[in-house]
């Protein structure tokens, strides 16, 4: 890829299905640029790429983060329950012997 272009992937995953779009973008493009160009928000009902639902290679990042050639932008789905709540529920079940 030339110095003026980068190739990135934008991915989103639901329990039943995954989506991946490969993009060729101008150098200096951001996470927000990649998400917009991917078209995934329009294709996936309920997908909300909020600031706390974006990452690159498994690490949360801001939408204005500049991308490098080969990066994988990830759009995370919202959690149904807070992980702390899930742990508390599981601990209570274990105490009761369920």
PDB file of N, CA and C in Angstrom:
ATOM      1  N   UNK A   1       0.860  -1.160   0.000  1.00  0.00           N
ATOM      2  CA  UNK A   1       0.000   0.000   0.000  1.00  0.00           C
ATOM      3  C   UNK A   1       0.910   1.228   0.000  1.00  0.00           C
ATOM      4  N   UNK A   2       0.557   2.217  -0.804  1.00  0.00           N
ATOM      5  CA  UNK A   2       1.352   3.430  -0.881  1.00  0.00           C
ATOM      6  C   UNK A   2       1.292   4.225   0.409  1.00  0.00           C
ATOM      7  N   UNK A   3       2.215   5.165   0.544  1.00  0.00           N
ATOM      8  CA  UNK A   3       2.285   5.972   1.759  1.00  0.00           C
ATOM      9  C   UNK A   3       1.055   6.862   1.940  1.00  0.00           C
ATOM     10  N   UNK A   4       0.314   7.079   0.857  1.00  0.00           N
ATOM     11  CA  UNK A   4      -0.852   7.943   0.953  1.00  0.00           C
ATOM     12  C   UNK A   4      -2.149   7.168   1.179  1.00  0.00           C
ATOM     13  N   UNK A   5      -2.085   5.832   1.253  1.00  0.00           N
ATOM     14  CA  UNK A   5      -3.270   4.981   1.442  1.00  0.00           C
ATOM     15  C   UNK A   5      -2.981   3.933   2.517  1.00  0.00           C
ATOM     16  N   UNK A   6      -4.026   3.517   3.229  1.00  0.00           N
ATOM     17  CA  UNK A   6      -3.905   2.424   4.194  1.00  0.00           C
ATOM     18  C   UNK A   6      -5.047   1.435   3.955  1.00  0.00           C
ATOM     19  N   UNK A   7      -4.824   0.188   4.309  1.00  0.00           N
ATOM     20  CA  UNK A   7      -5.869  -0.839   4.229  1.00  0.00           C
ATOM     21  C   UNK A   7      -6.196  -1.254   5.660  1.00  0.00           C
ATOM     22  N   UNK A   8      -7.497  -1.206   5.993  1.00  0.00           N
ATOM     23  CA  UNK A   8      -7.948  -1.590   7.328  1.00  0.00           C
ATOM     24  C   UNK A   8      -9.173  -2.485   7.210  1.00  0.00           C
ATOM     25  N   UNK A   9      -9.480  -3.188   8.289  1.00  0.00           N
ATOM     26  CA  UNK A   9     -10.703  -3.979   8.392  1.00  0.00           C
ATOM     27  C   UNK A   9     -11.582  -3.333   9.455  1.00  0.00           C
ATOM     28  N   UNK A  10     -12.894  -3.392   9.238  1.00  0.00           N
ATOM     29  CA  UNK A  10     -13.857  -2.974  10.251  1.00  0.00           C
ATOM     30  C   UNK A  10     -14.726  -4.191  10.520  1.00  0.00           C
ATOM     31  N   UNK A  11     -14.832  -4.574  11.803  1.00  0.00           N
ATOM     32  CA  UNK A  11     -15.576  -5.779  12.150  1.00  0.00           C
ATOM     33  C   UNK A  11     -16.586  -5.497  13.256  1.00  0.00           C
ATOM     34  N   UNK A  12     -17.654  -6.301  13.236  1.00  0.00           N
ATOM     35  CA  UNK A  12     -18.665  -6.286  14.297  1.00  0.00           C
ATOM     36  C   UNK A  12     -19.144  -7.723  14.436  1.00  0.00           C
ATOM     37  N   UNK A  13     -19.504  -8.113  15.652  1.00  0.00           N
ATOM     38  CA  UNK A  13     -19.940  -9.497  15.868  1.00  0.00           C
ATOM     39  C   UNK A  13     -21.118  -9.548  16.825  1.00  0.00           C
ATOM     40  N   UNK A  14     -22.099 -10.297  16.469  1.00  0.00           N
ATOM     41  CA  UNK A  14     -23.235 -10.640  17.315  1.00  0.00           C
ATOM     42  C   UNK A  14     -23.074 -12.121  17.609  1.00  0.00           C
ATOM     43  N   UNK A  15     -23.768 -12.662  18.582  1.00  0.00           N
ATOM     44  CA  UNK A  15     -23.592 -14.084  18.880  1.00  0.00           C
ATOM     45  C   UNK A  15     -23.847 -14.998  17.672  1.00  0.00           C
ATOM     46  N   UNK A  16     -24.778 -14.619  16.805  1.00  0.00           N
ATOM     47  CA  UNK A  16     -25.148 -15.487  15.692  1.00  0.00           C
ATOM     48  C   UNK A  16     -24.448 -15.132  14.380  1.00  0.00           C
ATOM     49  N   UNK A  17     -23.825 -13.971  14.304  1.00  0.00           N
ATOM     50  CA  UNK A  17     -23.290 -13.528  13.016  1.00  0.00           C
ATOM     51  C   UNK A  17     -22.155 -12.542  13.203  1.00  0.00           C
ATOM     52  N   UNK A  18     -21.222 -12.563  12.241  1.00  0.00           N
ATOM     53  CA  UNK A  18     -20.118 -11.611  12.241  1.00  0.00           C
ATOM     54  C   UNK A  18     -20.083 -10.896  10.890  1.00  0.00           C
ATOM     55  N   UNK A  19     -19.606  -9.662  10.909  1.00  0.00           N
ATOM     56  CA  UNK A  19     -19.459  -8.869   9.695  1.00  0.00           C
ATOM     57  C   UNK A  19     -18.035  -8.354   9.632  1.00  0.00           C
ATOM     58  N   UNK A  20     -17.464  -8.317   8.430  1.00  0.00           N
ATOM     59  CA  UNK A  20     -16.137  -7.745   8.219  1.00  0.00           C
ATOM     60  C   UNK A  20     -16.128  -7.017   6.881  1.00  0.00           C
ATOM     61  N   UNK A  21     -15.610  -5.809   6.908  1.00  0.00           N
ATOM     62  CA  UNK A  21     -15.482  -5.012   5.697  1.00  0.00           C
ATOM     63  C   UNK A  21     -14.024  -4.574   5.587  1.00  0.00           C
ATOM     64  N   UNK A  22     -13.416  -4.831   4.439  1.00  0.00           N
ATOM     65  CA  UNK A  22     -12.059  -4.347   4.181  1.00  0.00           C
ATOM     66  C   UNK A  22     -12.159  -3.019   3.450  1.00  0.00           C
ATOM     67  N   UNK A  23     -11.348  -2.066   3.882  1.00  0.00           N
ATOM     68  CA  UNK A  23     -11.390  -0.721   3.298  1.00  0.00           C
ATOM     69  C   UNK A  23     -10.007  -0.261   2.884  1.00  0.00           C
ATOM     70  N   UNK A  24      -9.969   0.511   1.839  1.00  0.00           N
ATOM     71  CA  UNK A  24      -8.776   1.218   1.396  1.00  0.00           C
ATOM     72  C   UNK A  24      -9.058   2.688   1.676  1.00  0.00           C
ATOM     73  N   UNK A  25      -8.325   3.283   2.619  1.00  0.00           N
ATOM     74  CA  UNK A  25      -8.589   4.648   3.075  1.00  0.00           C
ATOM     75  C   UNK A  25      -7.372   5.536   2.872  1.00  0.00           C
ATOM     76  N   UNK A  26      -7.589   6.844   2.850  1.00  0.00           N
ATOM     77  CA  UNK A  26      -6.443   7.755   2.810  1.00  0.00           C
ATOM     78  C   UNK A  26      -5.659   7.677   4.123  1.00  0.00           C
ATOM     79  N   UNK A  27      -4.346   7.799   4.035  1.00  0.00           N
ATOM     80  CA  UNK A  27      -3.521   7.871   5.242  1.00  0.00           C
ATOM     81  C   UNK A  27      -4.029   9.025   6.092  1.00  0.00           C
ATOM     82  N   UNK A  28      -4.013   8.850   7.405  1.00  0.00           N
ATOM     83  CA  UNK A  28      -4.515   9.873   8.319  1.00  0.00           C
ATOM     84  C   UNK A  28      -5.974   9.665   8.684  1.00  0.00           C
ATOM     85  N   UNK A  29      -6.620   8.634   8.123  1.00  0.00           N
ATOM     86  CA  UNK A  29      -8.018   8.348   8.456  1.00  0.00           C
ATOM     87  C   UNK A  29      -8.118   7.896   9.907  1.00  0.00           C
ATOM     88  N   UNK A  30      -9.278   8.144  10.489  1.00  0.00           N
ATOM     89  CA  UNK A  30      -9.505   7.820  11.894  1.00  0.00           C
ATOM     90  C   UNK A  30     -10.443   6.615  12.030  1.00  0.00           C
ATOM     91  N   UNK A  31     -10.595   6.149  13.261  1.00  0.00           N
ATOM     92  CA  UNK A  31     -11.541   5.069  13.563  1.00  0.00           C
ATOM     93  C   UNK A  31     -12.939   5.484  13.109  1.00  0.00           C
ATOM     94  N   UNK A  32     -13.350   6.712  13.410  1.00  0.00           N
ATOM     95  CA  UNK A  32     -14.674   7.191  13.010  1.00  0.00           C
ATOM     96  C   UNK A  32     -14.833   7.182  11.490  1.00  0.00           C
ATOM     97  N   UNK A  33     -13.784   7.566  10.766  1.00  0.00           N
ATOM     98  CA  UNK A  33     -13.834   7.539   9.302  1.00  0.00           C
ATOM     99  C   UNK A  33     -14.075   6.120   8.799  1.00  0.00           C
ATOM    100  N   UNK A  34     -13.355   5.157   9.378  1.00  0.00           N
ATOM    101  CA  UNK A  34     -13.475   3.767   8.950  1.00  0.00           C
ATOM    102  C   UNK A  34     -14.866   3.212   9.248  1.00  0.00           C
ATOM    103  N   UNK A  35     -15.388   3.512  10.427  1.00  0.00           N
ATOM    104  CA  UNK A  35     -16.726   3.034  10.787  1.00  0.00           C
ATOM    105  C   UNK A  35     -17.752   3.598   9.817  1.00  0.00           C
ATOM    106  N   UNK A  36     -17.647   4.881   9.522  1.00  0.00           N
ATOM    107  CA  UNK A  36     -18.599   5.510   8.603  1.00  0.00           C
ATOM    108  C   UNK A  36     -18.506   4.896   7.209  1.00  0.00           C
ATOM    109  N   UNK A  37     -17.297   4.744   6.692  1.00  0.00           N
ATOM    110  CA  UNK A  37     -17.108   4.202   5.348  1.00  0.00           C
ATOM    111  C   UNK A  37     -17.494   2.733   5.238  1.00  0.00           C
ATOM    112  N   UNK A  38     -17.462   1.999   6.355  1.00  0.00           N
ATOM    113  CA  UNK A  38     -17.776   0.561   6.310  1.00  0.00           C
ATOM    114  C   UNK A  38     -19.230   0.290   5.958  1.00  0.00           C
ATOM    115  N   UNK A  39     -20.133   1.202   6.326  1.00  0.00           N
ATOM    116  CA  UNK A  39     -21.551   0.997   6.081  1.00  0.00           C
ATOM    117  C   UNK A  39     -22.211   0.026   7.044  1.00  0.00           C
ATOM    118  N   UNK A  40     -21.480  -0.458   8.046  1.00  0.00           N
ATOM    119  CA  UNK A  40     -22.032  -1.453   8.966  1.00  0.00           C
ATOM    120  C   UNK A  40     -23.156  -0.896   9.832  1.00  0.00           C
ATOM    121  N   UNK A  41     -23.080   0.373  10.188  1.00  0.00           N
ATOM    122  CA  UNK A  41     -24.121   0.961  11.041  1.00  0.00           C
ATOM    123  C   UNK A  41     -25.474   0.893  10.338  1.00  0.00           C
ATOM    124  N   UNK A  42     -25.472   1.122   9.037  1.00  0.00           N
ATOM    125  CA  UNK A  42     -26.710   1.058   8.273  1.00  0.00           C
ATOM    126  C   UNK A  42     -27.182  -0.386   8.060  1.00  0.00           C
ATOM    127  N   UNK A  43     -26.263  -1.325   8.008  1.00  0.00           N
ATOM    128  CA  UNK A  43     -26.600  -2.725   7.717  1.00  0.00           C
ATOM    129  C   UNK A  43     -26.996  -3.546   8.936  1.00  0.00           C
ATOM    130  N   UNK A  44     -26.584  -3.122  10.136  1.00  0.00           N
ATOM    131  CA  UNK A  44     -26.794  -3.946  11.327  1.00  0.00           C
ATOM    132  C   UNK A  44     -27.751  -3.238  12.280  1.00  0.00           C
ATOM    133  N   UNK A  45     -28.980  -3.763  12.432  1.00  0.00           N
ATOM    134  CA  UNK A  45     -29.930  -3.138  13.358  1.00  0.00           C
ATOM    135  C   UNK A  45     -29.392  -3.151  14.797  1.00  0.00           C
ATOM    136  N   UNK A  46     -29.503  -2.028  15.467  1.00  0.00           N
ATOM    137  CA  UNK A  46     -29.083  -1.946  16.864  1.00  0.00           C
ATOM    138  C   UNK A  46     -27.614  -1.646  17.073  1.00  0.00           C
ATOM    139  N   UNK A  47     -26.835  -1.563  16.004  1.00  0.00           N
ATOM    140  CA  UNK A  47     -25.406  -1.267  16.153  1.00  0.00           C
ATOM    141  C   UNK A  47     -25.239   0.218  16.443  1.00  0.00           C
ATOM    142  N   UNK A  48     -24.617   0.521  17.577  1.00  0.00           N
ATOM    143  CA  UNK A  48     -24.401   1.902  17.993  1.00  0.00           C
ATOM    144  C   UNK A  48     -22.919   2.109  18.290  1.00  0.00           C
ATOM    145  N   UNK A  49     -22.176   2.666  17.354  1.00  0.00           N
ATOM    146  CA  UNK A  49     -20.738   2.829  17.584  1.00  0.00           C
ATOM    147  C   UNK A  49     -20.411   4.011  18.499  1.00  0.00           C
ATOM    148  N   UNK A  50     -20.792   3.884  19.777  1.00  0.00           N
ATOM    149  CA  UNK A  50     -20.478   4.928  20.761  1.00  0.00           C
ATOM    150  C   UNK A  50     -18.987   4.889  21.072  1.00  0.00           C
ATOM    151  N   UNK A  51     -18.514   5.948  21.688  1.00  0.00           N
ATOM    152  CA  UNK A  51     -17.089   6.035  22.027  1.00  0.00           C
ATOM    153  C   UNK A  51     -16.602   4.834  22.820  1.00  0.00           C
ATOM    154  N   UNK A  52     -17.429   4.312  23.738  1.00  0.00           N
ATOM    155  CA  UNK A  52     -16.993   3.194  24.572  1.00  0.00           C
ATOM    156  C   UNK A  52     -17.272   1.843  23.917  1.00  0.00           C
ATOM    157  N   UNK A  53     -17.650   1.845  22.637  1.00  0.00           N
ATOM    158  CA  UNK A  53     -17.902   0.596  21.902  1.00  0.00           C
ATOM    159  C   UNK A  53     -16.974   0.448  20.708  1.00  0.00           C
ATOM    160  N   UNK A  54     -15.819   1.134  20.720  1.00  0.00           N
ATOM    161  CA  UNK A  54     -14.887   1.086  19.607  1.00  0.00           C
ATOM    162  C   UNK A  54     -13.517   0.651  20.084  1.00  0.00           C
ATOM    163  N   UNK A  55     -12.846  -0.130  19.250  1.00  0.00           N
ATOM    164  CA  UNK A  55     -11.505  -0.558  19.597  1.00  0.00           C
ATOM    165  C   UNK A  55     -10.693  -0.871  18.358  1.00  0.00           C
ATOM    166  N   UNK A  56      -9.394  -1.024  18.569  1.00  0.00           N
ATOM    167  CA  UNK A  56      -8.482  -1.479  17.525  1.00  0.00           C
ATOM    168  C   UNK A  56      -7.702  -2.639  18.122  1.00  0.00           C
ATOM    169  N   UNK A  57      -7.822  -3.799  17.482  1.00  0.00           N
ATOM    170  CA  UNK A  57      -7.167  -5.020  17.961  1.00  0.00           C
ATOM    171  C   UNK A  57      -7.432  -5.283  19.442  1.00  0.00           C
ATOM    172  N   UNK A  58      -8.698  -5.166  19.861  1.00  0.00           N
ATOM    173  CA  UNK A  58      -9.092  -5.537  21.215  1.00  0.00           C
ATOM    174  C   UNK A  58      -8.837  -4.498  22.290  1.00  0.00           C
ATOM    175  N   UNK A  59      -8.387  -3.336  21.916  1.00  0.00           N
ATOM    176  CA  UNK A  59      -8.134  -2.270  22.895  1.00  0.00           C
ATOM    177  C   UNK A  59      -9.064  -1.102  22.616  1.00  0.00           C
ATOM    178  N   UNK A  60      -9.816  -0.690  23.642  1.00  0.00           N
ATOM    179  CA  UNK A  60     -10.712   0.450  23.478  1.00  0.00           C
ATOM    180  C   UNK A  60      -9.931   1.668  22.997  1.00  0.00           C
ATOM    181  N   UNK A  61     -10.576   2.456  22.148  1.00  0.00           N
ATOM    182  CA  UNK A  61      -9.925   3.674  21.669  1.00  0.00           C
ATOM    183  C   UNK A  61     -10.975   4.718  21.343  1.00  0.00           C
ATOM    184  N   UNK A  62     -10.510   5.921  21.141  1.00  0.00           N
ATOM    185  CA  UNK A  62     -11.395   7.031  20.813  1.00  0.00           C
ATOM    186  C   UNK A  62     -11.668   7.042  19.306  1.00  0.00           C
ATOM    187  N   UNK A  63     -12.794   7.605  18.897  1.00  0.00           N
ATOM    188  CA  UNK A  63     -13.110   7.664  17.474  1.00  0.00           C
ATOM    189  C   UNK A  63     -12.112   8.491  16.657  1.00  0.00           C
ATOM    190  N   UNK A  64     -11.407   9.424  17.319  1.00  0.00           N
ATOM    191  CA  UNK A  64     -10.464  10.265  16.586  1.00  0.00           C
ATOM    192  C   UNK A  64      -9.057   9.652  16.494  1.00  0.00           C
ATOM    193  N   UNK A  65      -8.913   8.402  16.942  1.00  0.00           N
ATOM    194  CA  UNK A  65      -7.605   7.730  16.848  1.00  0.00           C
ATOM    195  C   UNK A  65      -7.250   7.518  15.386  1.00  0.00           C
ATOM    196  N   UNK A  66      -6.049   7.919  15.019  1.00  0.00           N
ATOM    197  CA  UNK A  66      -5.583   7.749  13.649  1.00  0.00           C
ATOM    198  C   UNK A  66      -5.195   6.284  13.425  1.00  0.00           C
ATOM    199  N   UNK A  67      -5.558   5.771  12.273  1.00  0.00           N
ATOM    200  CA  UNK A  67      -5.314   4.366  11.951  1.00  0.00           C
ATOM    201  C   UNK A  67      -4.005   4.180  11.201  1.00  0.00           C
ATOM    202  N   UNK A  68      -3.452   2.977  11.346  1.00  0.00           N
ATOM    203  CA  UNK A  68      -2.256   2.583  10.613  1.00  0.00           C
ATOM    204  C   UNK A  68      -2.632   1.482   9.629  1.00  0.00           C
ATOM    205  N   UNK A  69      -1.812   1.301   8.622  1.00  0.00           N
ATOM    206  CA  UNK A  69      -2.043   0.251   7.642  1.00  0.00           C
ATOM    207  C   UNK A  69      -2.122  -1.105   8.351  1.00  0.00           C
ATOM    208  N   UNK A  70      -3.171  -1.872   8.052  1.00  0.00           N
ATOM    209  CA  UNK A  70      -3.339  -3.198   8.639  1.00  0.00           C
ATOM    210  C   UNK A  70      -4.152  -3.241   9.915  1.00  0.00           C
ATOM    211  N   UNK A  71      -4.589  -2.099  10.437  1.00  0.00           N
ATOM    212  CA  UNK A  71      -5.377  -2.088  11.671  1.00  0.00           C
ATOM    213  C   UNK A  71      -6.734  -2.771  11.476  1.00  0.00           C
ATOM    214  N   UNK A  72      -7.257  -3.317  12.563  1.00  0.00           N
ATOM    215  CA  UNK A  72      -8.602  -3.900  12.581  1.00  0.00           C
ATOM    216  C   UNK A  72      -9.445  -3.101  13.571  1.00  0.00           C
ATOM    217  N   UNK A  73     -10.422  -2.362  13.052  1.00  0.00           N
ATOM    218  CA  UNK A  73     -11.333  -1.571  13.868  1.00  0.00           C
ATOM    219  C   UNK A  73     -12.466  -2.496  14.298  1.00  0.00           C
ATOM    220  N   UNK A  74     -12.771  -2.485  15.593  1.00  0.00           N
ATOM    221  CA  UNK A  74     -13.822  -3.350  16.135  1.00  0.00           C
ATOM    222  C   UNK A  74     -14.936  -2.495  16.727  1.00  0.00           C
ATOM    223  N   UNK A  75     -16.166  -2.826  16.331  1.00  0.00           N
ATOM    224  CA  UNK A  75     -17.341  -2.163  16.901  1.00  0.00           C
ATOM    225  C   UNK A  75     -17.961  -3.159  17.859  1.00  0.00           C
ATOM    226  N   UNK A  76     -17.959  -2.832  19.141  1.00  0.00           N
ATOM    227  CA  UNK A  76     -18.440  -3.760  20.167  1.00  0.00           C
ATOM    228  C   UNK A  76     -19.925  -3.563  20.413  1.00  0.00           C
ATOM    229  N   UNK A  77     -20.615  -4.661  20.644  1.00  0.00           N
ATOM    230  CA  UNK A  77     -22.039  -4.575  20.967  1.00  0.00           C
ATOM    231  C   UNK A  77     -22.185  -4.208  22.443  1.00  0.00           C
ATOM    232  N   UNK A  78     -23.282  -3.568  22.782  1.00  0.00           N
ATOM    233  CA  UNK A  78     -23.477  -3.186  24.190  1.00  0.00           C
ATOM    234  C   UNK A  78     -23.664  -4.424  25.069  1.00  0.00           C
ATOM    235  N   UNK A  79     -23.195  -4.332  26.291  1.00  0.00           N
ATOM    236  CA  UNK A  79     -23.375  -5.422  27.246  1.00  0.00           C
ATOM    237  C   UNK A  79     -24.804  -5.437  27.746  1.00  0.00           C
ATOM    238  N   UNK A  80     -25.371  -6.627  27.890  1.00  0.00           N
ATOM    239  CA  UNK A  80     -26.722  -6.734  28.443  1.00  0.00           C
ATOM    240  C   UNK A  80     -26.696  -6.505  29.948  1.00  0.00           C
ATOM    241  N   UNK A  81     -25.636  -6.964  30.610  1.00  0.00           N
ATOM    242  CA  UNK A  81     -25.454  -6.757  32.048  1.00  0.00           C
ATOM    243  C   UNK A  81     -24.023  -6.331  32.311  1.00  0.00           C
ATOM    244  N   UNK A  82     -23.856  -5.548  33.330  1.00  0.00           N
ATOM    245  CA  UNK A  82     -22.525  -5.153  33.764  1.00  0.00           C
ATOM    246  C   UNK A  82     -21.783  -6.391  34.269  1.00  0.00           C
ATOM    247  N   UNK A  83     -20.517  -6.574  33.907  1.00  0.00           N
ATOM    248  CA  UNK A  83     -19.766  -7.755  34.361  1.00  0.00           C
ATOM    249  C   UNK A  83     -19.757  -7.929  35.879  1.00  0.00           C
ATOM    250  N   UNK A  84     -19.748  -6.829  36.640  1.00  0.00           N
ATOM    251  CA  UNK A  84     -19.785  -6.931  38.101  1.00  0.00           C
ATOM    252  C   UNK A  84     -21.105  -7.555  38.559  1.00  0.00           C
ATOM    253  N   UNK A  85     -22.185  -7.168  37.913  1.00  0.00           N
ATOM    254  CA  UNK A  85     -23.501  -7.716  38.249  1.00  0.00           C
ATOM    255  C   UNK A  85     -23.542  -9.208  37.959  1.00  0.00           C
ATOM    256  N   UNK A  86     -22.999  -9.615  36.824  1.00  0.00           N
ATOM    257  CA  UNK A  86     -22.972 -11.038  36.471  1.00  0.00           C
ATOM    258  C   UNK A  86     -22.181 -11.836  37.505  1.00  0.00           C
ATOM    259  N   UNK A  87     -21.026 -11.333  37.912  1.00  0.00           N
ATOM    260  CA  UNK A  87     -20.218 -12.035  38.926  1.00  0.00           C
ATOM    261  C   UNK A  87     -20.974 -12.156  40.238  1.00  0.00           C
ATOM    262  N   UNK A  88     -21.675 -11.095  40.638  1.00  0.00           N
ATOM    263  CA  UNK A  88     -22.441 -11.127  41.881  1.00  0.00           C
ATOM    264  C   UNK A  88     -23.563 -12.163  41.798  1.00  0.00           C
ATOM    265  N   UNK A  89     -24.267 -12.199  40.677  1.00  0.00           N
ATOM    266  CA  UNK A  89     -25.345 -13.181  40.493  1.00  0.00           C
ATOM    267  C   UNK A  89     -24.789 -14.599  40.547  1.00  0.00           C
ATOM    268  N   UNK A  90     -23.666 -14.844  39.889  1.00  0.00           N
ATOM    269  CA  UNK A  90     -23.059 -16.174  39.892  1.00  0.00           C
ATOM    270  C   UNK A  90     -22.593 -16.581  41.287  1.00  0.00           C
ATOM    271  N   UNK A  91     -22.030 -15.639  42.034  1.00  0.00           N
ATOM    272  CA  UNK A  91     -21.588 -15.939  43.397  1.00  0.00           C
ATOM    273  C   UNK A  91     -22.776 -16.289  44.284  1.00  0.00           C
ATOM    274  N   UNK A  92     -23.878 -15.566  44.132  1.00  0.00           N
ATOM    275  CA  UNK A  92     -25.081 -15.866  44.919  1.00  0.00           C
ATOM    276  C   UNK A  92     -25.621 -17.255  44.572  1.00  0.00           C
ATOM    277  N   UNK A  93     -25.595 -17.605  43.302  1.00  0.00           N
ATOM    278  CA  UNK A  93     -26.060 -18.935  42.886  1.00  0.00           C
ATOM    279  C   UNK A  93     -25.182 -20.041  43.470  1.00  0.00           C
ATOM    280  N   UNK A  94     -23.881 -19.821  43.464  1.00  0.00           N
ATOM    281  CA  UNK A  94     -22.968 -20.816  44.043  1.00  0.00           C
ATOM    282  C   UNK A  94     -23.215 -20.996  45.531  1.00  0.00           C
ATOM    283  N   UNK A  95     -23.453 -19.899  46.247  1.00  0.00           N
ATOM    284  CA  UNK A  95     -23.731 -19.990  47.689  1.00  0.00           C
ATOM    285  C   UNK A  95     -24.998 -20.793  47.959  1.00  0.00           C
ATOM    286  N   UNK A  96     -25.979 -20.656  47.083  1.00  0.00           N
ATOM    287  CA  UNK A  96     -27.242 -21.386  47.250  1.00  0.00           C
ATOM    288  C   UNK A  96     -27.163 -22.817  46.715  1.00  0.00           C
ATOM    289  N   UNK A  97     -26.060 -23.132  46.030  1.00  0.00           N
ATOM    290  CA  UNK A  97     -25.885 -24.491  45.520  1.00  0.00           C
ATOM    291  C   UNK A  97     -26.601 -24.752  44.210  1.00  0.00           C
ATOM    292  N   UNK A  98     -26.885 -23.731  43.473  1.00  0.00           N
ATOM    293  CA  UNK A  98     -27.572 -23.896  42.171  1.00  0.00           C
ATOM    294  C   UNK A  98     -26.609 -24.279  41.091  1.00  0.00           C
TER     295      UNK A  98
END
